[in-house]
Amino acid sequence: MKKLLAISTLLVVALSFLTGCTPDYKDGVYHAEFANFDSHGWKEYVDVQVSGNTVTVLTFDGVDVDGKLKSADESYRSNMQSVEGTYPAKFYADITNQYLESGKLKDVATVAGATVSTNNFKTLMQALDENMKNGNTTVVVVNETSSSKSK
């Protein structure tokens, strides 16, 4: 009986350490975007859906003034792919998949050819963190992109 009690106690302690390591996100749909368009005419944003304390849906993309998606712009794709070896639809998927696999922003590695967008993703997700913890679904507008901070 003492062994069972000791094992149960250890299990409870171990579980309390594990739950303390993950954020406590509230179910909801959250959105963050930059306040301004970048020098190429795009404004990046993230849409996040949380269910059961887990990010279940994550969209990261950019829009132009007409609301067209950067990931769907074939001209942008061909120009960027020939120079950088990647393109928006690919690197947006690479970035979001990294996050969805681990659930941790610190595990998102910079995607080659998309350093600014990778950093922008991290900036937007950090800006949403408090809202997701509090269940506040108000749109978060971030004033500076990662490229404007370095200037």
N, C-alpha and C. Protein backbone atom coordinates (compact mmCIF):
# COMPACT_ATOMS: atom_id res chain seq x y z
N MET A 1 0.82 -1.19 0.00
CA MET A 1 0.00 0.00 0.00
C MET A 1 0.87 1.26 0.00
N LYS A 2 1.99 1.21 0.74
CA LYS A 2 2.88 2.36 0.78
C LYS A 2 3.50 2.62 -0.58
N LYS A 3 3.82 1.53 -1.32
CA LYS A 3 4.39 1.68 -2.66
C LYS A 3 3.40 2.39 -3.58
N LEU A 4 2.15 1.99 -3.52
CA LEU A 4 1.11 2.58 -4.36
C LEU A 4 0.94 4.07 -4.03
N LEU A 5 0.96 4.39 -2.76
CA LEU A 5 0.85 5.79 -2.34
C LEU A 5 2.06 6.59 -2.82
N ALA A 6 3.25 6.02 -2.72
CA ALA A 6 4.47 6.70 -3.16
C ALA A 6 4.45 6.92 -4.67
N ILE A 7 4.03 5.91 -5.42
CA ILE A 7 3.96 6.04 -6.88
C ILE A 7 2.92 7.08 -7.27
N SER A 8 1.78 7.07 -6.59
CA SER A 8 0.72 8.05 -6.88
C SER A 8 1.20 9.46 -6.61
N THR A 9 1.91 9.63 -5.50
CA THR A 9 2.43 10.96 -5.16
C THR A 9 3.44 11.43 -6.20
N LEU A 10 4.34 10.55 -6.62
CA LEU A 10 5.31 10.91 -7.64
C LEU A 10 4.63 11.28 -8.96
N LEU A 11 3.60 10.55 -9.31
CA LEU A 11 2.86 10.82 -10.54
C LEU A 11 2.21 12.20 -10.49
N VAL A 12 1.60 12.53 -9.37
CA VAL A 12 0.96 13.84 -9.21
C VAL A 12 2.00 14.95 -9.29
N VAL A 13 3.13 14.77 -8.65
CA VAL A 13 4.20 15.77 -8.68
C VAL A 13 4.72 15.93 -10.11
N ALA A 14 4.95 14.82 -10.80
CA ALA A 14 5.45 14.88 -12.18
C ALA A 14 4.45 15.59 -13.08
N LEU A 15 3.19 15.28 -12.95
CA LEU A 15 2.17 15.94 -13.78
C LEU A 15 2.08 17.42 -13.48
N SER A 16 2.26 17.82 -12.24
CA SER A 16 2.20 19.25 -11.92
C SER A 16 3.37 20.00 -12.56
N PHE A 17 4.52 19.34 -12.66
CA PHE A 17 5.65 19.97 -13.35
C PHE A 17 5.37 20.10 -14.85
N LEU A 18 4.80 19.09 -15.44
CA LEU A 18 4.50 19.13 -16.87
C LEU A 18 3.45 20.18 -17.20
N THR A 19 2.41 20.28 -16.41
CA THR A 19 1.38 21.28 -16.70
C THR A 19 1.88 22.68 -16.45
N GLY A 20 2.85 22.84 -15.60
CA GLY A 20 3.41 24.16 -15.35
C GLY A 20 4.28 24.65 -16.50
N CYS A 21 4.69 23.75 -17.38
CA CYS A 21 5.57 24.12 -18.48
C CYS A 21 4.82 24.59 -19.71
N THR A 22 3.54 24.31 -19.80
CA THR A 22 2.79 24.71 -20.98
C THR A 22 1.90 25.90 -20.64
N PRO A 23 1.69 26.77 -21.61
CA PRO A 23 0.82 27.91 -21.35
C PRO A 23 -0.62 27.43 -21.15
N ASP A 24 -1.37 28.19 -20.41
CA ASP A 24 -2.76 27.87 -20.16
C ASP A 24 -3.60 28.74 -21.08
N TYR A 25 -3.83 28.28 -22.31
CA TYR A 25 -4.58 29.05 -23.29
C TYR A 25 -6.06 28.74 -23.20
N LYS A 26 -6.85 29.77 -23.39
CA LYS A 26 -8.31 29.65 -23.38
C LYS A 26 -8.80 29.39 -24.79
N ASP A 27 -9.83 28.56 -24.89
CA ASP A 27 -10.43 28.29 -26.20
C ASP A 27 -10.89 29.59 -26.84
N GLY A 28 -10.67 29.69 -28.14
CA GLY A 28 -11.11 30.88 -28.86
C GLY A 28 -10.36 31.03 -30.16
N VAL A 29 -10.74 32.07 -30.90
CA VAL A 29 -10.08 32.42 -32.15
C VAL A 29 -9.43 33.78 -31.96
N TYR A 30 -8.14 33.86 -32.29
CA TYR A 30 -7.34 35.05 -32.04
C TYR A 30 -6.69 35.53 -33.33
N HIS A 31 -6.51 36.86 -33.42
CA HIS A 31 -5.92 37.46 -34.62
C HIS A 31 -4.95 38.56 -34.23
N ALA A 32 -3.79 38.56 -34.88
CA ALA A 32 -2.81 39.64 -34.71
C ALA A 32 -2.31 40.03 -36.09
N GLU A 33 -2.07 41.32 -36.26
CA GLU A 33 -1.57 41.83 -37.54
C GLU A 33 -0.70 43.04 -37.29
N PHE A 34 0.10 43.36 -38.29
CA PHE A 34 0.90 44.56 -38.19
C PHE A 34 0.05 45.76 -38.57
N ALA A 35 0.38 46.91 -38.02
CA ALA A 35 -0.39 48.13 -38.26
C ALA A 35 -0.19 48.65 -39.68
N ASN A 36 0.99 48.43 -40.23
CA ASN A 36 1.33 49.02 -41.53
C ASN A 36 1.77 47.97 -42.53
N PHE A 37 1.67 48.33 -43.79
CA PHE A 37 2.17 47.49 -44.86
C PHE A 37 3.69 47.66 -44.95
N ASP A 38 4.39 46.58 -45.33
CA ASP A 38 5.84 46.68 -45.45
C ASP A 38 6.24 47.37 -46.76
N SER A 39 7.52 47.47 -47.00
CA SER A 39 8.02 48.18 -48.18
C SER A 39 7.65 47.49 -49.50
N HIS A 40 7.22 46.24 -49.43
CA HIS A 40 6.80 45.50 -50.63
C HIS A 40 5.27 45.53 -50.80
N GLY A 41 4.57 46.21 -49.86
CA GLY A 41 3.12 46.32 -49.97
C GLY A 41 2.32 45.22 -49.30
N TRP A 42 2.94 44.50 -48.36
CA TRP A 42 2.26 43.40 -47.66
C TRP A 42 2.15 43.69 -46.17
N LYS A 43 1.09 43.17 -45.58
CA LYS A 43 0.90 43.25 -44.13
C LYS A 43 0.68 41.81 -43.63
N GLU A 44 1.63 41.32 -42.84
CA GLU A 44 1.52 39.95 -42.35
C GLU A 44 0.61 39.89 -41.12
N TYR A 45 -0.01 38.71 -40.96
CA TYR A 45 -0.95 38.49 -39.87
C TYR A 45 -0.93 37.01 -39.46
N VAL A 46 -1.44 36.73 -38.27
CA VAL A 46 -1.68 35.35 -37.84
C VAL A 46 -3.11 35.23 -37.34
N ASP A 47 -3.71 34.10 -37.64
CA ASP A 47 -4.99 33.70 -37.07
C ASP A 47 -4.74 32.40 -36.32
N VAL A 48 -5.21 32.36 -35.08
CA VAL A 48 -4.96 31.21 -34.22
C VAL A 48 -6.27 30.73 -33.63
N GLN A 49 -6.49 29.43 -33.67
CA GLN A 49 -7.63 28.85 -32.98
C GLN A 49 -7.09 27.94 -31.89
N VAL A 50 -7.59 28.15 -30.68
CA VAL A 50 -7.18 27.35 -29.54
C VAL A 50 -8.36 26.50 -29.10
N SER A 51 -8.09 25.23 -28.87
CA SER A 51 -9.11 24.31 -28.38
C SER A 51 -8.43 23.34 -27.42
N GLY A 52 -8.97 23.22 -26.22
CA GLY A 52 -8.39 22.31 -25.24
C GLY A 52 -6.96 22.66 -24.88
N ASN A 53 -6.66 23.94 -24.74
CA ASN A 53 -5.34 24.45 -24.36
C ASN A 53 -4.27 24.20 -25.43
N THR A 54 -4.70 23.91 -26.65
CA THR A 54 -3.77 23.63 -27.73
C THR A 54 -4.12 24.46 -28.96
N VAL A 55 -3.10 24.99 -29.60
CA VAL A 55 -3.32 25.67 -30.88
C VAL A 55 -3.64 24.59 -31.90
N THR A 56 -4.87 24.61 -32.41
CA THR A 56 -5.30 23.57 -33.35
C THR A 56 -5.29 24.04 -34.79
N VAL A 57 -5.46 25.33 -35.01
CA VAL A 57 -5.45 25.90 -36.35
C VAL A 57 -4.57 27.14 -36.30
N LEU A 58 -3.71 27.27 -37.28
CA LEU A 58 -2.80 28.41 -37.32
C LEU A 58 -2.61 28.83 -38.76
N THR A 59 -2.93 30.10 -39.04
CA THR A 59 -2.74 30.66 -40.36
C THR A 59 -1.80 31.84 -40.25
N PHE A 60 -0.77 31.83 -41.07
CA PHE A 60 0.18 32.94 -41.15
C PHE A 60 0.30 33.29 -42.61
N ASP A 61 0.06 34.56 -42.95
CA ASP A 61 0.10 34.99 -44.34
C ASP A 61 0.26 36.51 -44.36
N GLY A 62 0.20 37.06 -45.54
CA GLY A 62 0.24 38.51 -45.73
C GLY A 62 -0.85 38.90 -46.70
N VAL A 63 -1.31 40.14 -46.58
CA VAL A 63 -2.31 40.67 -47.51
C VAL A 63 -1.81 41.99 -48.08
N ASP A 64 -2.29 42.30 -49.29
CA ASP A 64 -1.98 43.61 -49.85
C ASP A 64 -3.16 44.54 -49.61
N VAL A 65 -3.12 45.76 -50.13
CA VAL A 65 -4.18 46.74 -49.88
C VAL A 65 -5.53 46.28 -50.43
N ASP A 66 -5.51 45.37 -51.42
CA ASP A 66 -6.75 44.85 -52.00
C ASP A 66 -7.23 43.59 -51.28
N GLY A 67 -6.48 43.15 -50.27
CA GLY A 67 -6.87 41.95 -49.53
C GLY A 67 -6.42 40.65 -50.17
N LYS A 68 -5.57 40.73 -51.20
CA LYS A 68 -5.07 39.53 -51.86
C LYS A 68 -3.96 38.91 -51.01
N LEU A 69 -3.94 37.59 -50.96
CA LEU A 69 -2.97 36.87 -50.14
C LEU A 69 -1.60 36.80 -50.81
N LYS A 70 -0.60 37.04 -50.01
CA LYS A 70 0.79 36.94 -50.48
C LYS A 70 1.09 35.51 -50.93
N SER A 71 0.58 34.53 -50.20
CA SER A 71 0.84 33.13 -50.53
C SER A 71 0.24 32.71 -51.87
N ALA A 72 -0.72 33.48 -52.39
CA ALA A 72 -1.37 33.15 -53.65
C ALA A 72 -0.85 33.98 -54.82
N ASP A 73 0.08 34.87 -54.56
CA ASP A 73 0.60 35.76 -55.61
C ASP A 73 1.67 35.03 -56.42
N GLU A 74 1.30 34.58 -57.62
CA GLU A 74 2.21 33.80 -58.46
C GLU A 74 3.41 34.61 -58.94
N SER A 75 3.22 35.89 -59.21
CA SER A 75 4.33 36.73 -59.65
C SER A 75 5.37 36.86 -58.52
N TYR A 76 4.88 37.10 -57.31
CA TYR A 76 5.77 37.20 -56.15
C TYR A 76 6.51 35.87 -55.96
N ARG A 77 5.75 34.78 -56.12
CA ARG A 77 6.35 33.46 -55.95
C ARG A 77 7.51 33.25 -56.92
N SER A 78 7.27 33.48 -58.19
CA SER A 78 8.31 33.20 -59.18
C SER A 78 9.53 34.10 -58.99
N ASN A 79 9.31 35.36 -58.66
CA ASN A 79 10.44 36.27 -58.41
C ASN A 79 11.24 35.85 -57.19
N MET A 80 10.56 35.50 -56.11
CA MET A 80 11.24 35.15 -54.88
C MET A 80 11.92 33.79 -54.98
N GLN A 81 11.24 32.84 -55.57
CA GLN A 81 11.79 31.49 -55.65
C GLN A 81 13.10 31.46 -56.44
N SER A 82 13.18 32.25 -57.49
CA SER A 82 14.41 32.26 -58.30
C SER A 82 15.58 32.88 -57.56
N VAL A 83 15.31 33.78 -56.61
CA VAL A 83 16.37 34.45 -55.86
C VAL A 83 16.64 33.76 -54.53
N GLU A 84 15.59 33.45 -53.78
CA GLU A 84 15.73 32.94 -52.41
C GLU A 84 15.61 31.42 -52.29
N GLY A 85 15.04 30.77 -53.31
CA GLY A 85 14.85 29.33 -53.22
C GLY A 85 13.63 28.92 -52.43
N THR A 86 12.82 29.88 -52.05
CA THR A 86 11.58 29.61 -51.34
C THR A 86 10.55 30.63 -51.80
N TYR A 87 9.35 30.51 -51.30
CA TYR A 87 8.27 31.43 -51.69
C TYR A 87 7.23 31.42 -50.58
N PRO A 88 6.35 32.44 -50.54
CA PRO A 88 5.45 32.60 -49.40
C PRO A 88 4.62 31.37 -49.03
N ALA A 89 3.96 30.72 -49.98
CA ALA A 89 3.13 29.57 -49.62
C ALA A 89 3.96 28.49 -48.92
N LYS A 90 5.20 28.31 -49.37
CA LYS A 90 6.07 27.29 -48.78
C LYS A 90 6.59 27.73 -47.41
N PHE A 91 7.15 28.93 -47.32
CA PHE A 91 7.73 29.30 -46.03
C PHE A 91 6.68 29.57 -44.96
N TYR A 92 5.50 30.06 -45.33
CA TYR A 92 4.44 30.22 -44.33
C TYR A 92 4.06 28.85 -43.76
N ALA A 93 3.95 27.85 -44.64
CA ALA A 93 3.63 26.49 -44.18
C ALA A 93 4.75 25.92 -43.32
N ASP A 94 6.01 26.14 -43.72
CA ASP A 94 7.15 25.66 -42.94
C ASP A 94 7.15 26.25 -41.53
N ILE A 95 6.90 27.53 -41.44
CA ILE A 95 6.91 28.23 -40.14
C ILE A 95 5.78 27.72 -39.26
N THR A 96 4.57 27.68 -39.80
CA THR A 96 3.42 27.27 -38.98
C THR A 96 3.52 25.79 -38.59
N ASN A 97 4.01 24.95 -39.48
CA ASN A 97 4.14 23.53 -39.15
C ASN A 97 5.15 23.31 -38.02
N GLN A 98 6.22 24.09 -38.02
CA GLN A 98 7.19 23.98 -36.92
C GLN A 98 6.51 24.28 -35.59
N TYR A 99 5.70 25.34 -35.58
CA TYR A 99 5.02 25.71 -34.33
C TYR A 99 4.00 24.64 -33.93
N LEU A 100 3.20 24.19 -34.89
CA LEU A 100 2.16 23.21 -34.58
C LEU A 100 2.74 21.89 -34.09
N GLU A 101 3.91 21.51 -34.59
CA GLU A 101 4.54 20.25 -34.17
C GLU A 101 4.98 20.29 -32.71
N SER A 102 5.54 21.41 -32.28
CA SER A 102 6.07 21.47 -30.92
C SER A 102 5.17 22.24 -29.95
N GLY A 103 4.40 23.18 -30.49
CA GLY A 103 3.58 24.02 -29.62
C GLY A 103 4.38 25.08 -28.89
N LYS A 104 5.64 25.24 -29.29
CA LYS A 104 6.52 26.19 -28.60
C LYS A 104 7.15 27.14 -29.60
N LEU A 105 7.04 28.41 -29.34
CA LEU A 105 7.60 29.42 -30.21
C LEU A 105 9.12 29.33 -30.28
N LYS A 106 9.74 28.94 -29.18
CA LYS A 106 11.21 28.84 -29.15
C LYS A 106 11.74 27.75 -30.08
N ASP A 107 10.87 26.82 -30.48
CA ASP A 107 11.29 25.74 -31.37
C ASP A 107 11.15 26.09 -32.85
N VAL A 108 10.65 27.29 -33.15
CA VAL A 108 10.50 27.70 -34.54
C VAL A 108 11.85 28.25 -35.02
N ALA A 109 12.48 27.52 -35.94
CA ALA A 109 13.77 27.92 -36.48
C ALA A 109 13.55 28.85 -37.66
N THR A 110 14.52 29.71 -37.88
CA THR A 110 14.45 30.64 -39.00
C THR A 110 14.47 29.86 -40.31
N VAL A 111 13.52 30.17 -41.17
CA VAL A 111 13.45 29.53 -42.48
C VAL A 111 14.37 30.30 -43.43
N ALA A 112 15.29 29.58 -44.06
CA ALA A 112 16.24 30.21 -44.99
C ALA A 112 15.48 30.92 -46.10
N GLY A 113 15.86 32.16 -46.36
CA GLY A 113 15.21 32.97 -47.38
C GLY A 113 13.98 33.71 -46.88
N ALA A 114 13.60 33.44 -45.64
CA ALA A 114 12.41 34.07 -45.07
C ALA A 114 12.66 34.51 -43.62
N THR A 115 13.83 35.06 -43.39
CA THR A 115 14.21 35.48 -42.04
C THR A 115 13.26 36.53 -41.48
N VAL A 116 12.93 37.55 -42.27
CA VAL A 116 12.05 38.61 -41.80
C VAL A 116 10.67 38.05 -41.46
N SER A 117 10.14 37.21 -42.33
CA SER A 117 8.82 36.62 -42.06
C SER A 117 8.84 35.71 -40.85
N THR A 118 9.91 34.94 -40.67
CA THR A 118 10.02 34.09 -39.48
C THR A 118 10.00 34.96 -38.23
N ASN A 119 10.78 36.03 -38.23
CA ASN A 119 10.80 36.94 -37.08
C ASN A 119 9.46 37.64 -36.88
N ASN A 120 8.80 37.99 -37.98
CA ASN A 120 7.47 38.61 -37.88
C ASN A 120 6.47 37.65 -37.26
N PHE A 121 6.54 36.38 -37.63
CA PHE A 121 5.67 35.36 -37.04
C PHE A 121 5.86 35.33 -35.52
N LYS A 122 7.11 35.29 -35.10
CA LYS A 122 7.40 35.24 -33.66
C LYS A 122 6.89 36.50 -32.96
N THR A 123 7.05 37.65 -33.59
CA THR A 123 6.57 38.91 -33.02
C THR A 123 5.05 38.88 -32.85
N LEU A 124 4.36 38.43 -33.88
CA LEU A 124 2.89 38.38 -33.83
C LEU A 124 2.40 37.37 -32.79
N MET A 125 3.03 36.21 -32.74
CA MET A 125 2.61 35.19 -31.76
C MET A 125 2.89 35.65 -30.33
N GLN A 126 4.01 36.32 -30.11
CA GLN A 126 4.30 36.85 -28.77
C GLN A 126 3.27 37.90 -28.37
N ALA A 127 2.85 38.71 -29.35
CA ALA A 127 1.85 39.74 -29.07
C ALA A 127 0.50 39.11 -28.71
N LEU A 128 0.21 37.93 -29.23
CA LEU A 128 -1.07 37.25 -28.95
C LEU A 128 -1.05 36.45 -27.66
N ASP A 129 0.11 36.16 -27.14
CA ASP A 129 0.24 35.25 -25.99
C ASP A 129 -0.66 35.62 -24.82
N GLU A 130 -0.62 36.86 -24.41
CA GLU A 130 -1.42 37.28 -23.24
C GLU A 130 -2.91 37.17 -23.53
N ASN A 131 -3.32 37.53 -24.74
CA ASN A 131 -4.73 37.41 -25.12
C ASN A 131 -5.19 35.95 -25.06
N MET A 132 -4.35 35.04 -25.56
CA MET A 132 -4.72 33.62 -25.56
C MET A 132 -4.80 33.09 -24.13
N LYS A 133 -3.96 33.57 -23.25
CA LYS A 133 -4.01 33.14 -21.85
C LYS A 133 -5.26 33.66 -21.16
N ASN A 134 -5.70 34.89 -21.52
CA ASN A 134 -6.84 35.52 -20.88
C ASN A 134 -8.16 35.28 -21.60
N GLY A 135 -8.11 34.69 -22.79
CA GLY A 135 -9.34 34.48 -23.56
C GLY A 135 -9.84 35.76 -24.21
N ASN A 136 -8.97 36.74 -24.38
CA ASN A 136 -9.34 38.02 -24.97
C ASN A 136 -9.20 37.92 -26.49
N THR A 137 -10.31 37.92 -27.20
CA THR A 137 -10.29 37.73 -28.65
C THR A 137 -10.23 39.05 -29.43
N THR A 138 -9.94 40.14 -28.75
CA THR A 138 -9.76 41.43 -29.42
C THR A 138 -8.56 41.34 -30.36
N VAL A 139 -8.70 41.92 -31.54
CA VAL A 139 -7.60 41.93 -32.52
C VAL A 139 -6.40 42.67 -31.93
N VAL A 140 -5.23 42.09 -32.07
CA VAL A 140 -3.99 42.70 -31.61
C VAL A 140 -3.30 43.32 -32.81
N VAL A 141 -3.00 44.61 -32.71
CA VAL A 141 -2.30 45.32 -33.78
C VAL A 141 -0.90 45.66 -33.29
N VAL A 142 0.09 45.17 -34.02
CA VAL A 142 1.50 45.36 -33.66
C VAL A 142 2.07 46.46 -34.53
N ASN A 143 2.70 47.44 -33.90
CA ASN A 143 3.18 48.60 -34.64
C ASN A 143 4.44 48.36 -35.47
N GLU A 144 5.37 47.55 -34.97
CA GLU A 144 6.65 47.41 -35.68
C GLU A 144 6.88 45.98 -36.12
N THR A 145 7.27 45.80 -37.38
CA THR A 145 7.71 44.50 -37.87
C THR A 145 9.13 44.29 -37.43
N SER A 146 9.61 43.08 -37.59
CA SER A 146 11.00 42.81 -37.19
C SER A 146 11.99 43.59 -38.05
N SER A 147 11.65 43.85 -39.30
CA SER A 147 12.58 44.60 -40.16
C SER A 147 12.59 46.09 -39.80
N SER A 148 11.47 46.63 -39.32
CA SER A 148 11.46 48.05 -38.96
C SER A 148 12.16 48.28 -37.62
N LYS A 149 12.25 47.25 -36.76
CA LYS A 149 12.95 47.39 -35.49
C LYS A 149 14.46 47.49 -35.68
N SER A 150 14.96 46.87 -36.75
CA SER A 150 16.41 46.86 -36.94
C SER A 150 16.92 48.10 -37.62
N LYS A 151 16.05 48.97 -38.06
CA LYS A 151 16.48 50.20 -38.75
C LYS A 151 16.87 51.28 -37.79
